[in-house]
Amino acid sequence: MFGSFKWHWPFKRGASAQKTRRRRTESELIETLEHGIVTKILIVLVSTIALGWIVSGGRQSMEVTAVAILMFGTAVTHLALNRPEIWGRNSRLFLLLLLICTHLLLVKYFLSSAEEALLSTGTILPGQFSAIDKRDLWRLSVPFAFAPLMTSLLMGRTVGIISTVFVTFLSIPVCASVGWSLRDVLINTTAGMVCGFAAVFLTLEVRKRGDLLRAGLFIGLTTWLIAVIFQRIIFLHIWMAAGSMNWSALWMQTAVAVGGPIILALVIYGALSPIESLFSITTNISWLELSDLNHPLLKRMTMEAPGTFQHSLAVANLAEAACEAIGANATMGRVCSYFHDIGKLVKPEYFTENMRNDRNPHEGLAPTMSALIIIAHVKEGVSLGLEYKLNPAIIDVIQQHHGTSMVYYFYKKAVDQQESMRGERKIAAMHDEELPEVSESSFRYGGPKAQSKESAIISLADSIESASRSLEKVTPQKIEQLVSDIVRKRISDGQLEDCELSFSELQLVTESFRHTISSMMHTRIAYPEDKSGEKQRRENAGSAIRQRSSPATAA
């Protein structure tokens, strides 16, 4: 929620040689609001009061409100004990509880309207609906899928399932507050649970906004089917007082049951983008939109650093497949891989994949200076990301994809130079303690280490793709050894200790890397040379030369 206010501070802080370098920083106030215990208690307290207000009023007793508050407390306790990704971030907790309370408020409104319609009196004219018909229409309009659909899209499948269970059971005291019978409560609970799980299932593969309409349609059909099965909400009024079929009521009830969720999907479609911006959340829909390679930074990379661009595409393929293997966000892995090396745009010629004509600009530089240039591409990438207002998750990956790892090539070169100076004694009067000291910290990236599964996978994919280019003869054994060595080194160096990857998931990631690298670097058959064709081309070329040099041609 508070991430949208972070853009202004980084542009005003930090300095580098002759220019202002933008760095992603956290305001103390924003940090307190996001993780402070006082803010968390306030959010829970306000949500509890809101729930009590929603349930209160009508024909219920105080016991019903107390039951609702106890059920809500159980739900919050579950979040605190089992869902640290929600409980640890106040913006996520606020969003989840806000959606739950909004869902219950909508349920209370539609159920209350249904009961009021049933109590309405007056003469029923031809073509008008009876009180029972109006009540059924209001009951069919209850948006059972609101909270499950929103939470599943914004916070993932697991949170969508949790919200479905929460709002379903919290709807029971809401139904009791309007005087429903036990049978009606059971029907409403069943409908809410089934429609909620259907909403979560249908949003698993939502990759574009049009898929929301498809999800709304199937949720509507599910609602209609449940109503027909129970024959209570949609009751087929086959005979009216005169004994004729009430077709208009039947068609209207069907239209409301199927069309209501579609309208809900349209409303969510319009609200999704502002909510994503306000709460700093990126859905799969937005990640797919960000995967467009026509972004100005990527177009610059194709022209100024084509080698880095091809490297980024290869890393994206590796990362996407590995994320899919463990159930991580594959689209996020691909998009972040596109941008992870944009810092190389500042000095592209200093990176191996962009060097031309066998010219190595590092040959005339000290190892410490070379390492400084290489390490700086992370800070330059963050600066460019902030300048172009990239998604915060992309900037996090840019900052974390090297962690605190070492630029080992130049560190080894510096150590060798020091040993050479010590052995040859080029400066006779220089003692050992006067030799330039080689510090590991000068050759390490500034971090932080990877904080998420996607960031860790991109970090590994980056190293593996770069190292695979040095293989002279590609064989399955060499690929397996290469991938295993790099993963083992990253683990021993502590680069994966801050992310959420388990050893079983790391094994799946490693297998995915091996398979993808083998597919990308497959060998080709050596086709036999077409000697007859080459001989004929040489004869034709010789004939043409003789014809041009003959006196007749010259004349």
Protein backbone atom coordinates (compact mmCIF):
# COMPACT_ATOMS: atom_id res chain seq x y z
CA MET A 1 0.00 0.00 0.00
CA PHE A 2 2.78 2.35 0.91
CA GLY A 3 5.13 1.47 -1.97
CA SER A 4 3.58 3.96 -4.39
CA PHE A 5 5.00 6.86 -2.36
CA LYS A 6 8.63 5.65 -2.62
CA TRP A 7 9.50 7.11 -6.01
CA HIS A 8 10.37 10.60 -4.85
CA TRP A 9 13.02 9.96 -2.21
CA PRO A 10 15.58 7.97 -4.29
CA PHE A 11 15.90 10.75 -6.84
CA LYS A 12 17.12 13.14 -4.15
CA ARG A 13 19.70 10.98 -2.43
CA GLY A 14 23.05 9.43 -3.26
CA ALA A 15 25.90 10.74 -5.38
CA SER A 16 28.54 9.29 -7.65
CA ALA A 17 31.24 10.69 -9.87
CA GLN A 18 29.87 13.82 -11.55
CA LYS A 19 26.25 12.71 -11.43
CA THR A 20 23.45 11.90 -9.05
CA ARG A 21 22.89 8.17 -8.76
CA ARG A 22 19.45 7.03 -7.85
CA ARG A 23 19.25 4.42 -5.12
CA ARG A 24 16.17 2.64 -3.86
CA THR A 25 15.79 3.65 -0.23
CA GLU A 26 13.14 3.10 2.40
CA SER A 27 11.65 5.93 4.40
CA GLU A 28 11.59 5.27 8.15
CA LEU A 29 7.93 6.26 8.29
CA ILE A 30 7.00 3.89 5.47
CA GLU A 31 9.07 1.13 7.08
CA THR A 32 7.23 1.64 10.37
CA LEU A 33 3.83 1.62 8.69
CA GLU A 34 4.68 -1.52 6.74
CA HIS A 35 6.15 -3.60 9.57
CA GLY A 36 5.29 -1.84 12.84
CA ILE A 37 3.37 -3.79 15.49
CA VAL A 38 1.27 -0.74 16.43
CA THR A 39 0.03 -0.40 12.86
CA LYS A 40 -0.74 -4.12 12.76
CA ILE A 41 -2.78 -3.96 15.99
CA LEU A 42 -4.65 -0.91 14.68
CA ILE A 43 -5.53 -2.69 11.42
CA VAL A 44 -6.87 -5.75 13.28
CA LEU A 45 -8.81 -3.59 15.75
CA VAL A 46 -10.46 -1.49 13.05
CA SER A 47 -11.35 -4.64 11.07
CA THR A 48 -12.90 -6.21 14.16
CA ILE A 49 -15.03 -3.12 14.80
CA ALA A 50 -16.08 -3.08 11.13
CA LEU A 51 -17.09 -6.74 11.32
CA GLY A 52 -19.13 -6.12 14.47
CA TRP A 53 -20.91 -3.23 12.77
CA ILE A 54 -21.69 -5.37 9.70
CA VAL A 55 -23.19 -8.17 11.76
CA SER A 56 -25.01 -5.91 14.23
CA GLY A 57 -28.50 -4.56 13.49
CA GLY A 58 -31.57 -6.49 12.50
CA ARG A 59 -33.07 -9.40 14.35
CA GLN A 60 -29.93 -10.98 15.80
CA SER A 61 -28.80 -11.19 19.41
CA MET A 62 -25.49 -10.14 20.89
CA GLU A 63 -24.40 -13.78 20.81
CA VAL A 64 -24.33 -13.71 17.01
CA THR A 65 -22.00 -10.70 16.99
CA ALA A 66 -19.80 -12.35 19.60
CA VAL A 67 -19.61 -15.53 17.51
CA ALA A 68 -18.62 -13.50 14.43
CA ILE A 69 -15.87 -11.69 16.35
CA LEU A 70 -14.53 -14.99 17.76
CA MET A 71 -14.48 -16.53 14.28
CA PHE A 72 -12.69 -13.46 12.96
CA GLY A 73 -10.15 -13.71 15.77
CA THR A 74 -9.49 -17.33 14.83
CA ALA A 75 -8.89 -16.27 11.22
CA VAL A 76 -6.44 -13.54 12.28
CA THR A 77 -4.62 -16.00 14.57
CA HIS A 78 -4.23 -18.39 11.64
CA LEU A 79 -2.63 -15.61 9.60
CA ALA A 80 -0.25 -14.75 12.45
CA LEU A 81 0.86 -18.36 12.95
CA ASN A 82 0.87 -19.79 9.44
CA ARG A 83 1.01 -17.00 6.87
CA PRO A 84 4.11 -14.86 7.55
CA GLU A 85 4.05 -13.40 4.03
CA ILE A 86 0.70 -11.78 4.90
CA TRP A 87 1.15 -11.13 8.61
CA GLY A 88 4.65 -9.71 8.16
CA ARG A 89 3.52 -6.95 5.81
CA ASN A 90 0.86 -4.59 7.09
CA SER A 91 -0.18 -3.50 3.61
CA ARG A 92 -0.96 -7.11 2.64
CA LEU A 93 -2.78 -7.71 5.93
CA PHE A 94 -4.80 -4.52 5.48
CA LEU A 95 -5.74 -5.44 1.91
CA LEU A 96 -6.85 -8.97 2.87
CA LEU A 97 -8.96 -7.83 5.82
CA LEU A 98 -10.39 -4.98 3.75
CA LEU A 99 -11.50 -7.40 1.04
CA ILE A 100 -13.02 -9.77 3.61
CA CYS A 101 -14.97 -6.97 5.31
CA THR A 102 -16.12 -5.59 1.96
CA HIS A 103 -17.28 -9.06 0.92
CA LEU A 104 -19.29 -9.48 4.13
CA LEU A 105 -20.78 -6.00 3.75
CA LEU A 106 -21.97 -6.86 0.23
CA VAL A 107 -23.43 -10.15 1.45
CA LYS A 108 -25.26 -8.34 4.27
CA TYR A 109 -26.65 -5.73 1.85
CA PHE A 110 -28.01 -8.24 -0.66
CA LEU A 111 -29.46 -10.55 1.99
CA SER A 112 -31.14 -7.65 3.79
CA SER A 113 -32.56 -6.42 0.49
CA ALA A 114 -33.92 -9.90 -0.18
CA GLU A 115 -35.74 -9.99 3.14
CA GLU A 116 -37.12 -6.48 2.62
CA ALA A 117 -38.42 -7.48 -0.81
CA LEU A 118 -40.21 -10.45 0.73
CA LEU A 119 -41.99 -8.16 3.19
CA SER A 120 -43.14 -5.74 0.52
CA THR A 121 -46.89 -5.61 -0.07
CA GLY A 122 -49.09 -4.34 -2.84
CA THR A 123 -51.10 -5.45 -5.81
CA ILE A 124 -49.19 -7.49 -8.37
CA LEU A 125 -50.02 -6.34 -11.88
CA PRO A 126 -49.61 -8.55 -14.97
CA GLY A 127 -45.95 -8.77 -15.98
CA GLN A 128 -44.67 -7.79 -12.52
CA PHE A 129 -42.73 -10.01 -10.15
CA SER A 130 -44.13 -11.24 -6.88
CA ALA A 131 -42.41 -10.68 -3.53
CA ILE A 132 -40.97 -14.20 -3.67
CA ASP A 133 -39.58 -13.58 -7.17
CA LYS A 134 -37.93 -10.34 -6.02
CA ARG A 135 -36.43 -12.08 -2.99
CA ASP A 136 -34.99 -14.82 -5.21
CA LEU A 137 -33.46 -12.23 -7.55
CA TRP A 138 -31.72 -10.50 -4.62
CA ARG A 139 -30.42 -13.81 -3.27
CA LEU A 140 -29.07 -14.76 -6.68
CA SER A 141 -27.24 -11.43 -6.88
CA VAL A 142 -25.08 -12.14 -3.78
CA PRO A 143 -21.43 -11.77 -4.98
CA PHE A 144 -20.10 -15.01 -3.48
CA ALA A 145 -16.90 -14.79 -5.58
CA PHE A 146 -15.85 -11.21 -4.73
CA ALA A 147 -13.19 -11.79 -2.05
CA PRO A 148 -11.93 -15.14 -3.46
CA LEU A 149 -11.56 -13.65 -6.93
CA MET A 150 -9.77 -10.51 -5.75
CA THR A 151 -7.41 -12.22 -3.30
CA SER A 152 -6.54 -14.97 -5.77
CA LEU A 153 -5.65 -12.43 -8.45
CA LEU A 154 -3.75 -10.07 -6.13
CA MET A 155 -2.08 -12.41 -3.63
CA GLY A 156 -2.07 -15.86 -5.16
CA ARG A 157 -3.95 -19.14 -5.03
CA THR A 158 -3.15 -20.01 -1.40
CA VAL A 159 -4.46 -16.71 -0.04
CA GLY A 160 -7.50 -17.06 -2.31
CA ILE A 161 -8.34 -20.40 -0.73
CA ILE A 162 -7.85 -18.95 2.78
CA SER A 163 -10.13 -16.01 2.03
CA THR A 164 -12.77 -18.38 0.61
CA VAL A 165 -12.87 -20.34 3.86
CA PHE A 166 -12.85 -17.17 5.98
CA VAL A 167 -15.68 -15.37 4.19
CA THR A 168 -17.79 -18.52 3.91
CA PHE A 169 -17.82 -19.19 7.66
CA LEU A 170 -18.07 -15.50 8.55
CA SER A 171 -21.15 -15.32 6.33
CA ILE A 172 -22.97 -17.66 8.72
CA PRO A 173 -23.48 -15.03 11.46
CA VAL A 174 -24.33 -12.49 8.72
CA CYS A 175 -27.12 -14.80 7.51
CA ALA A 176 -28.29 -15.29 11.09
CA SER A 177 -28.41 -11.52 11.56
CA VAL A 178 -31.15 -11.22 8.91
CA GLY A 179 -33.21 -14.00 10.45
CA TRP A 180 -32.47 -16.84 8.02
CA SER A 181 -33.45 -20.41 8.85
CA LEU A 182 -30.85 -23.16 9.29
CA ARG A 183 -31.70 -24.55 5.84
CA ASP A 184 -31.14 -21.21 4.15
CA VAL A 185 -27.86 -20.73 6.02
CA LEU A 186 -26.61 -24.15 4.88
CA ILE A 187 -27.55 -23.42 1.27
CA ASN A 188 -25.82 -20.03 1.40
CA THR A 189 -22.71 -21.56 2.99
CA THR A 190 -22.53 -24.27 0.34
CA ALA A 191 -23.00 -21.78 -2.49
CA GLY A 192 -20.34 -19.47 -1.05
CA MET A 193 -17.82 -22.27 -0.62
CA VAL A 194 -18.34 -23.81 -4.07
CA CYS A 195 -18.37 -20.46 -5.92
CA GLY A 196 -15.33 -19.29 -3.98
CA PHE A 197 -13.27 -22.35 -4.85
CA ALA A 198 -14.46 -22.11 -8.46
CA ALA A 199 -13.24 -18.51 -8.55
CA VAL A 200 -9.81 -19.51 -7.21
CA PHE A 201 -9.53 -22.39 -9.68
CA LEU A 202 -10.58 -20.24 -12.64
CA THR A 203 -7.99 -17.53 -11.86
CA LEU A 204 -5.01 -19.90 -11.82
CA GLU A 205 -4.33 -19.33 -15.52
CA VAL A 206 -5.53 -15.73 -15.88
CA ARG A 207 -2.84 -14.16 -18.05
CA LYS A 208 -4.82 -11.37 -19.66
CA ARG A 209 -7.73 -9.23 -18.56
CA GLY A 210 -10.15 -10.87 -20.96
CA ASP A 211 -9.78 -14.12 -19.00
CA LEU A 212 -11.62 -12.44 -16.12
CA LEU A 213 -14.81 -12.41 -18.18
CA ARG A 214 -14.44 -16.13 -18.83
CA ALA A 215 -13.98 -16.70 -15.10
CA GLY A 216 -17.10 -14.59 -14.39
CA LEU A 217 -19.15 -16.61 -16.87
CA PHE A 218 -18.22 -19.96 -15.33
CA ILE A 219 -18.79 -18.67 -11.80
CA GLY A 220 -22.26 -17.55 -12.92
CA LEU A 221 -23.02 -20.98 -14.36
CA THR A 222 -21.84 -22.54 -11.10
CA THR A 223 -24.18 -20.27 -9.13
CA TRP A 224 -27.10 -21.16 -11.39
CA LEU A 225 -26.36 -24.89 -11.14
CA ILE A 226 -26.25 -24.78 -7.32
CA ALA A 227 -29.51 -22.87 -7.23
CA VAL A 228 -31.22 -25.40 -9.50
CA ILE A 229 -29.91 -28.33 -7.45
CA PHE A 230 -31.30 -26.95 -4.20
CA GLN A 231 -34.47 -25.57 -5.85
CA ARG A 232 -34.72 -22.96 -3.15
CA ILE A 233 -33.10 -19.85 -4.51
CA ILE A 234 -34.26 -20.47 -8.07
CA PHE A 235 -37.63 -22.10 -7.56
CA LEU A 236 -39.26 -22.88 -10.85
CA HIS A 237 -42.60 -21.22 -10.41
CA ILE A 238 -44.27 -23.43 -12.97
CA TRP A 239 -47.75 -22.44 -12.01
CA MET A 240 -48.97 -19.08 -10.92
CA ALA A 241 -52.42 -18.60 -9.46
CA ALA A 242 -53.91 -19.12 -12.91
CA GLY A 243 -51.83 -22.24 -13.45
CA SER A 244 -49.57 -20.89 -16.26
CA MET A 245 -45.78 -21.02 -16.32
CA ASN A 246 -43.96 -17.90 -15.10
CA TRP A 247 -41.43 -17.71 -17.92
CA SER A 248 -40.43 -14.10 -17.28
CA ALA A 249 -39.40 -14.85 -13.69
CA LEU A 250 -37.48 -17.94 -14.80
CA TRP A 251 -35.51 -16.09 -17.46
CA MET A 252 -34.83 -13.14 -15.17
CA GLN A 253 -33.52 -15.38 -12.40
CA THR A 254 -31.25 -17.20 -14.88
CA ALA A 255 -29.95 -13.88 -16.26
CA VAL A 256 -29.20 -12.59 -12.76
CA ALA A 257 -27.48 -15.82 -11.68
CA VAL A 258 -25.22 -15.92 -14.76
CA GLY A 259 -24.86 -12.20 -15.43
CA GLY A 260 -24.10 -11.10 -11.86
CA PRO A 261 -20.61 -12.68 -11.71
CA ILE A 262 -19.85 -11.35 -15.20
CA ILE A 263 -20.66 -7.81 -14.03
CA LEU A 264 -18.53 -8.49 -10.93
CA ALA A 265 -15.63 -9.52 -13.18
CA LEU A 266 -16.00 -6.25 -15.13
CA VAL A 267 -15.91 -4.25 -11.90
CA ILE A 268 -12.78 -6.12 -10.75
CA TYR A 269 -11.26 -5.50 -14.18
CA GLY A 270 -11.58 -1.74 -13.65
CA ALA A 271 -10.46 -1.81 -10.02
CA LEU A 272 -7.46 -4.09 -10.47
CA SER A 273 -5.01 -1.55 -11.86
CA PRO A 274 -5.57 1.14 -9.16
CA ILE A 275 -5.34 -1.49 -6.40
CA GLU A 276 -2.10 -2.87 -7.86
CA SER A 277 -0.62 0.64 -7.93
CA LEU A 278 -1.81 1.56 -4.42
CA PHE A 279 -0.60 -1.63 -2.73
CA SER A 280 2.52 -2.19 -4.89
CA ILE A 281 1.24 -5.55 -6.16
CA THR A 282 1.88 -6.95 -9.61
CA THR A 283 -0.51 -9.60 -10.88
CA ASN A 284 0.22 -12.12 -13.62
CA ILE A 285 -1.84 -9.93 -15.95
CA SER A 286 0.48 -6.98 -15.38
CA TRP A 287 3.60 -9.14 -15.61
CA LEU A 288 2.46 -10.33 -19.03
CA GLU A 289 1.96 -6.72 -20.12
CA LEU A 290 5.47 -5.88 -18.89
CA SER A 291 6.98 -8.69 -20.98
CA ASP A 292 6.75 -6.54 -24.13
CA LEU A 293 10.24 -6.32 -25.63
CA ASN A 294 9.49 -2.86 -27.05
CA HIS A 295 10.31 -1.20 -23.73
CA PRO A 296 12.74 1.71 -24.32
CA LEU A 297 15.46 0.14 -22.15
CA LEU A 298 15.27 -3.17 -24.00
CA LYS A 299 15.32 -1.41 -27.37
CA ARG A 300 18.42 0.49 -26.23
CA MET A 301 19.99 -2.80 -25.22
CA THR A 302 19.44 -4.34 -28.66
CA MET A 303 21.40 -1.45 -30.22
CA GLU A 304 24.03 -0.59 -27.60
CA ALA A 305 24.61 -3.96 -25.91
CA PRO A 306 23.35 -6.72 -28.24
CA GLY A 307 25.40 -9.39 -26.51
CA THR A 308 23.83 -8.52 -23.16
CA PHE A 309 20.39 -8.57 -24.76
CA GLN A 310 20.90 -12.10 -26.11
CA HIS A 311 22.27 -13.16 -22.73
CA SER A 312 19.17 -11.75 -21.01
CA LEU A 313 16.85 -13.66 -23.36
CA ALA A 314 18.69 -16.89 -22.57
CA VAL A 315 18.52 -16.19 -18.83
CA ALA A 316 14.78 -15.53 -19.21
CA ASN A 317 14.27 -18.97 -20.77
CA LEU A 318 16.23 -20.64 -17.98
CA ALA A 319 14.49 -18.72 -15.21
CA GLU A 320 10.98 -19.20 -16.57
CA ALA A 321 11.36 -22.97 -16.87
CA ALA A 322 12.89 -23.24 -13.38
CA CYS A 323 10.11 -21.12 -11.83
CA GLU A 324 7.48 -23.33 -13.44
CA ALA A 325 9.22 -26.41 -12.04
CA ILE A 326 8.70 -25.28 -8.42
CA GLY A 327 5.45 -23.33 -8.79
CA ALA A 328 7.03 -19.87 -8.52
CA ASN A 329 5.91 -16.92 -10.65
CA ALA A 330 7.25 -17.88 -14.07
CA THR A 331 6.09 -14.71 -15.83
CA MET A 332 7.78 -12.57 -13.21
CA GLY A 333 10.98 -14.61 -13.65
CA ARG A 334 10.97 -13.98 -17.39
CA VAL A 335 10.27 -10.25 -17.18
CA CYS A 336 12.83 -9.59 -14.44
CA SER A 337 15.43 -11.54 -16.43
CA TYR A 338 14.94 -9.17 -19.37
CA PHE A 339 15.95 -6.21 -17.22
CA HIS A 340 18.43 -7.70 -14.74
CA ASP A 341 21.53 -6.47 -16.62
CA ILE A 342 20.34 -3.08 -17.89
CA GLY A 343 23.15 -1.44 -15.88
CA LYS A 344 25.58 -2.70 -18.52
CA LEU A 345 24.17 -0.06 -20.89
CA VAL A 346 26.40 2.53 -19.19
CA LYS A 347 29.68 0.82 -20.22
CA PRO A 348 28.70 -2.13 -22.42
CA GLU A 349 32.15 -2.58 -23.98
CA TYR A 350 33.63 -3.65 -20.62
CA PHE A 351 31.57 -6.85 -20.54
CA THR A 352 32.68 -9.95 -22.41
CA GLU A 353 29.51 -10.52 -24.42
CA ASN A 354 29.75 -7.02 -25.95
CA MET A 355 33.50 -6.89 -26.74
CA ARG A 356 34.28 -6.48 -30.43
CA ASN A 357 37.31 -7.12 -32.60
CA ASP A 358 39.07 -9.00 -29.80
CA ARG A 359 39.66 -5.73 -27.97
CA ASN A 360 39.66 -6.10 -24.21
CA PRO A 361 39.45 -2.71 -22.45
CA HIS A 362 40.45 -4.34 -19.15
CA GLU A 363 43.97 -5.02 -20.39
CA GLY A 364 45.19 -1.55 -19.47
CA LEU A 365 43.38 -1.38 -16.12
CA ALA A 366 44.26 -2.50 -12.64
CA PRO A 367 42.18 -5.47 -11.38
CA THR A 368 40.58 -3.29 -8.68
CA MET A 369 39.45 -0.76 -11.31
CA SER A 370 38.10 -3.51 -13.56
CA ALA A 371 36.20 -5.03 -10.65
CA LEU A 372 34.82 -1.60 -9.75
CA ILE A 373 33.45 -1.17 -13.29
CA ILE A 374 31.91 -4.65 -13.29
CA ILE A 375 30.35 -4.25 -9.84
CA ALA A 376 28.98 -0.79 -10.72
CA HIS A 377 26.56 -2.23 -13.30
CA VAL A 378 24.23 -3.24 -10.45
CA LYS A 379 24.01 0.31 -9.09
CA GLU A 380 23.71 1.71 -12.60
CA GLY A 381 20.89 -0.77 -13.27
CA VAL A 382 19.00 0.38 -10.18
CA SER A 383 19.51 3.98 -11.26
CA LEU A 384 18.15 3.31 -14.75
CA GLY A 385 15.26 1.29 -13.33
CA LEU A 386 14.21 4.18 -11.11
CA GLU A 387 14.66 6.67 -13.92
CA TYR A 388 12.36 4.66 -16.21
CA LYS A 389 10.01 3.84 -13.29
CA LEU A 390 10.28 0.09 -13.61
CA ASN A 391 8.24 -2.16 -11.37
CA PRO A 392 9.75 -2.27 -7.83
CA ALA A 393 10.06 -6.07 -8.04
CA ILE A 394 12.25 -5.70 -11.15
CA ILE A 395 14.49 -3.21 -9.35
CA ASP A 396 14.78 -5.65 -6.44
CA VAL A 397 15.99 -8.37 -8.80
CA ILE A 398 18.49 -5.99 -10.43
CA GLN A 399 19.88 -5.19 -6.98
CA GLN A 400 19.92 -8.79 -5.75
CA HIS A 401 20.89 -10.89 -8.76
CA HIS A 402 24.59 -10.94 -7.80
CA GLY A 403 24.03 -10.81 -4.05
CA THR A 404 27.35 -10.37 -2.27
CA SER A 405 29.22 -12.72 -4.60
CA MET A 406 32.81 -12.10 -5.70
CA VAL A 407 34.18 -11.02 -9.07
CA TYR A 408 36.59 -13.92 -8.83
CA TYR A 409 38.45 -13.44 -12.11
CA PHE A 410 39.79 -10.00 -11.19
CA TYR A 411 40.32 -10.99 -7.55
CA LYS A 412 42.53 -13.88 -8.70
CA LYS A 413 44.32 -11.54 -11.09
CA ALA A 414 45.01 -9.07 -8.26
CA VAL A 415 46.31 -11.85 -6.00
CA ASP A 416 48.58 -13.14 -8.76
CA GLN A 417 49.95 -9.65 -9.36
CA GLN A 418 50.67 -9.25 -5.65
CA GLU A 419 52.45 -12.61 -5.52
CA SER A 420 54.44 -11.66 -8.60
CA MET A 421 55.55 -8.39 -7.01
CA ARG A 422 56.45 -10.15 -3.81
CA GLY A 423 58.46 -12.83 -5.65
CA GLU A 424 60.28 -10.63 -8.15
CA ARG A 425 60.90 -7.75 -5.73
CA LYS A 426 60.48 -5.19 -8.49
CA ILE A 427 60.85 -2.52 -5.87
CA ALA A 428 63.82 -3.60 -3.80
CA ALA A 429 63.19 -1.30 -0.86
CA MET A 430 59.58 -2.44 -0.48
CA HIS A 431 58.84 -4.75 2.44
CA ASP A 432 56.05 -7.34 2.42
CA GLU A 433 53.83 -5.21 4.62
CA GLU A 434 54.20 -2.31 2.18
CA LEU A 435 52.83 -4.24 -0.77
CA PRO A 436 49.30 -3.25 -1.88
CA GLU A 437 46.78 -5.30 0.09
CA VAL A 438 44.18 -7.28 -1.84
CA SER A 439 40.90 -7.10 0.06
CA GLU A 440 38.04 -9.45 -0.78
CA SER A 441 35.52 -6.75 0.05
CA SER A 442 36.79 -4.69 -2.88
CA PHE A 443 35.85 -7.49 -5.25
CA ARG A 444 32.39 -8.31 -3.86
CA TYR A 445 29.02 -6.93 -4.93
CA GLY A 446 27.18 -4.79 -2.44
CA GLY A 447 24.10 -7.02 -2.21
CA PRO A 448 21.63 -7.66 -0.75
CA LYS A 449 21.39 -11.40 -1.30
CA ALA A 450 18.39 -12.84 -3.11
CA GLN A 451 15.24 -12.32 -1.02
CA SER A 452 12.73 -14.34 -3.07
CA LYS A 453 12.59 -17.58 -5.01
CA GLU A 454 12.38 -15.76 -8.33
CA SER A 455 15.38 -13.56 -7.54
CA ALA A 456 17.47 -16.57 -6.46
CA ILE A 457 16.56 -18.48 -9.62
CA ILE A 458 17.49 -15.54 -11.84
CA SER A 459 20.80 -15.21 -9.98
CA LEU A 460 21.62 -18.87 -10.63
CA ALA A 461 20.41 -18.71 -14.24
CA ASP A 462 22.61 -15.65 -14.87
CA SER A 463 25.76 -17.42 -13.67
CA ILE A 464 24.98 -20.70 -15.40
CA GLU A 465 24.19 -19.12 -18.76
CA SER A 466 27.40 -17.06 -18.66
CA ALA A 467 29.54 -20.04 -17.69
CA SER A 468 27.96 -22.32 -20.30
CA ARG A 469 29.37 -20.13 -23.09
CA SER A 470 32.89 -21.20 -22.09
CA LEU A 471 32.19 -24.89 -22.76
CA GLU A 472 34.24 -26.00 -25.76
CA LYS A 473 32.51 -29.29 -26.40
CA VAL A 474 28.98 -29.54 -25.06
CA THR A 475 28.07 -32.90 -23.54
CA PRO A 476 25.40 -33.86 -21.00
CA GLN A 477 28.12 -34.71 -18.48
CA LYS A 478 29.79 -31.31 -18.81
CA ILE A 479 26.48 -29.49 -18.50
CA GLU A 480 25.53 -31.47 -15.40
CA GLN A 481 28.93 -30.80 -13.84
CA LEU A 482 28.75 -27.09 -14.66
CA VAL A 483 25.28 -26.61 -13.19
CA SER A 484 26.08 -28.64 -10.07
CA ASP A 485 29.34 -26.74 -9.43
CA ILE A 486 27.73 -23.31 -9.72
CA VAL A 487 24.78 -24.21 -7.47
CA ARG A 488 27.15 -25.76 -4.92
CA LYS A 489 29.38 -22.67 -4.89
CA ARG A 490 26.40 -20.36 -4.41
CA ILE A 491 25.22 -22.45 -1.46
CA SER A 492 28.67 -22.59 0.17
CA ASP A 493 29.09 -18.83 -0.33
CA GLY A 494 25.79 -18.24 1.50
CA GLN A 495 24.12 -16.50 -1.44
CA LEU A 496 20.87 -18.49 -1.09
CA GLU A 497 20.42 -18.30 2.67
CA ASP A 498 17.98 -15.35 2.62
CA CYS A 499 15.56 -16.69 -0.01
CA GLU A 500 12.76 -19.19 0.47
CA LEU A 501 14.17 -22.00 -1.67
CA SER A 502 14.13 -25.39 0.04
CA PHE A 503 16.60 -28.15 -0.85
CA SER A 504 13.90 -30.14 -2.64
CA GLU A 505 12.97 -27.07 -4.72
CA LEU A 506 16.65 -26.39 -5.43
CA GLN A 507 16.97 -29.92 -6.76
CA LEU A 508 14.06 -29.31 -9.15
CA VAL A 509 15.59 -26.00 -10.21
CA THR A 510 18.92 -27.71 -10.91
CA GLU A 511 17.25 -30.39 -13.03
CA SER A 512 15.37 -27.70 -14.95
CA PHE A 513 18.61 -25.81 -15.66
CA ARG A 514 20.27 -28.98 -16.96
CA HIS A 515 17.39 -29.75 -19.29
CA THR A 516 17.05 -26.19 -20.61
CA ILE A 517 20.81 -25.71 -21.13
CA SER A 518 20.96 -29.02 -23.00
CA SER A 519 18.12 -27.89 -25.26
CA MET A 520 19.68 -24.47 -25.86
CA MET A 521 23.17 -25.80 -26.60
CA HIS A 522 22.34 -28.89 -28.62
CA THR A 523 24.91 -30.04 -31.14
CA ARG A 524 24.29 -30.21 -34.88
CA ILE A 525 25.23 -32.84 -37.41
CA ALA A 526 28.33 -32.17 -39.47
CA TYR A 527 26.92 -32.02 -43.00
CA PRO A 528 29.26 -33.30 -45.80
CA GLU A 529 30.77 -30.62 -47.99
CA ASP A 530 29.24 -30.24 -51.42
CA LYS A 531 32.54 -30.48 -53.35
CA SER A 532 30.94 -30.77 -56.76
CA GLY A 533 29.02 -27.58 -56.24
CA GLU A 534 32.11 -25.78 -54.94
CA LYS A 535 34.12 -26.96 -57.99
CA GLN A 536 31.44 -25.72 -60.35
CA ARG A 537 31.35 -22.30 -58.60
CA ARG A 538 35.15 -22.00 -58.95
CA GLU A 539 34.98 -22.86 -62.66
CA ASN A 540 32.22 -20.29 -63.23
CA ALA A 541 34.21 -17.63 -61.39
CA GLY A 542 37.36 -18.40 -63.42
CA SER A 543 35.42 -18.25 -66.68
CA ALA A 544 34.00 -14.85 -65.75
CA ILE A 545 37.48 -13.50 -64.94
CA ARG A 546 38.91 -14.73 -68.24
CA GLN A 547 36.00 -13.20 -70.14
CA ARG A 548 36.55 -9.78 -68.50
CA SER A 549 40.29 -9.83 -69.26
CA SER A 550 40.07 -10.94 -72.93
CA PRO A 551 40.82 -8.36 -75.70
CA ALA A 552 37.39 -8.81 -77.22
CA THR A 553 35.70 -7.92 -73.97
CA ALA A 554 38.01 -4.93 -73.51
CA ALA A 555 37.10 -3.67 -76.95
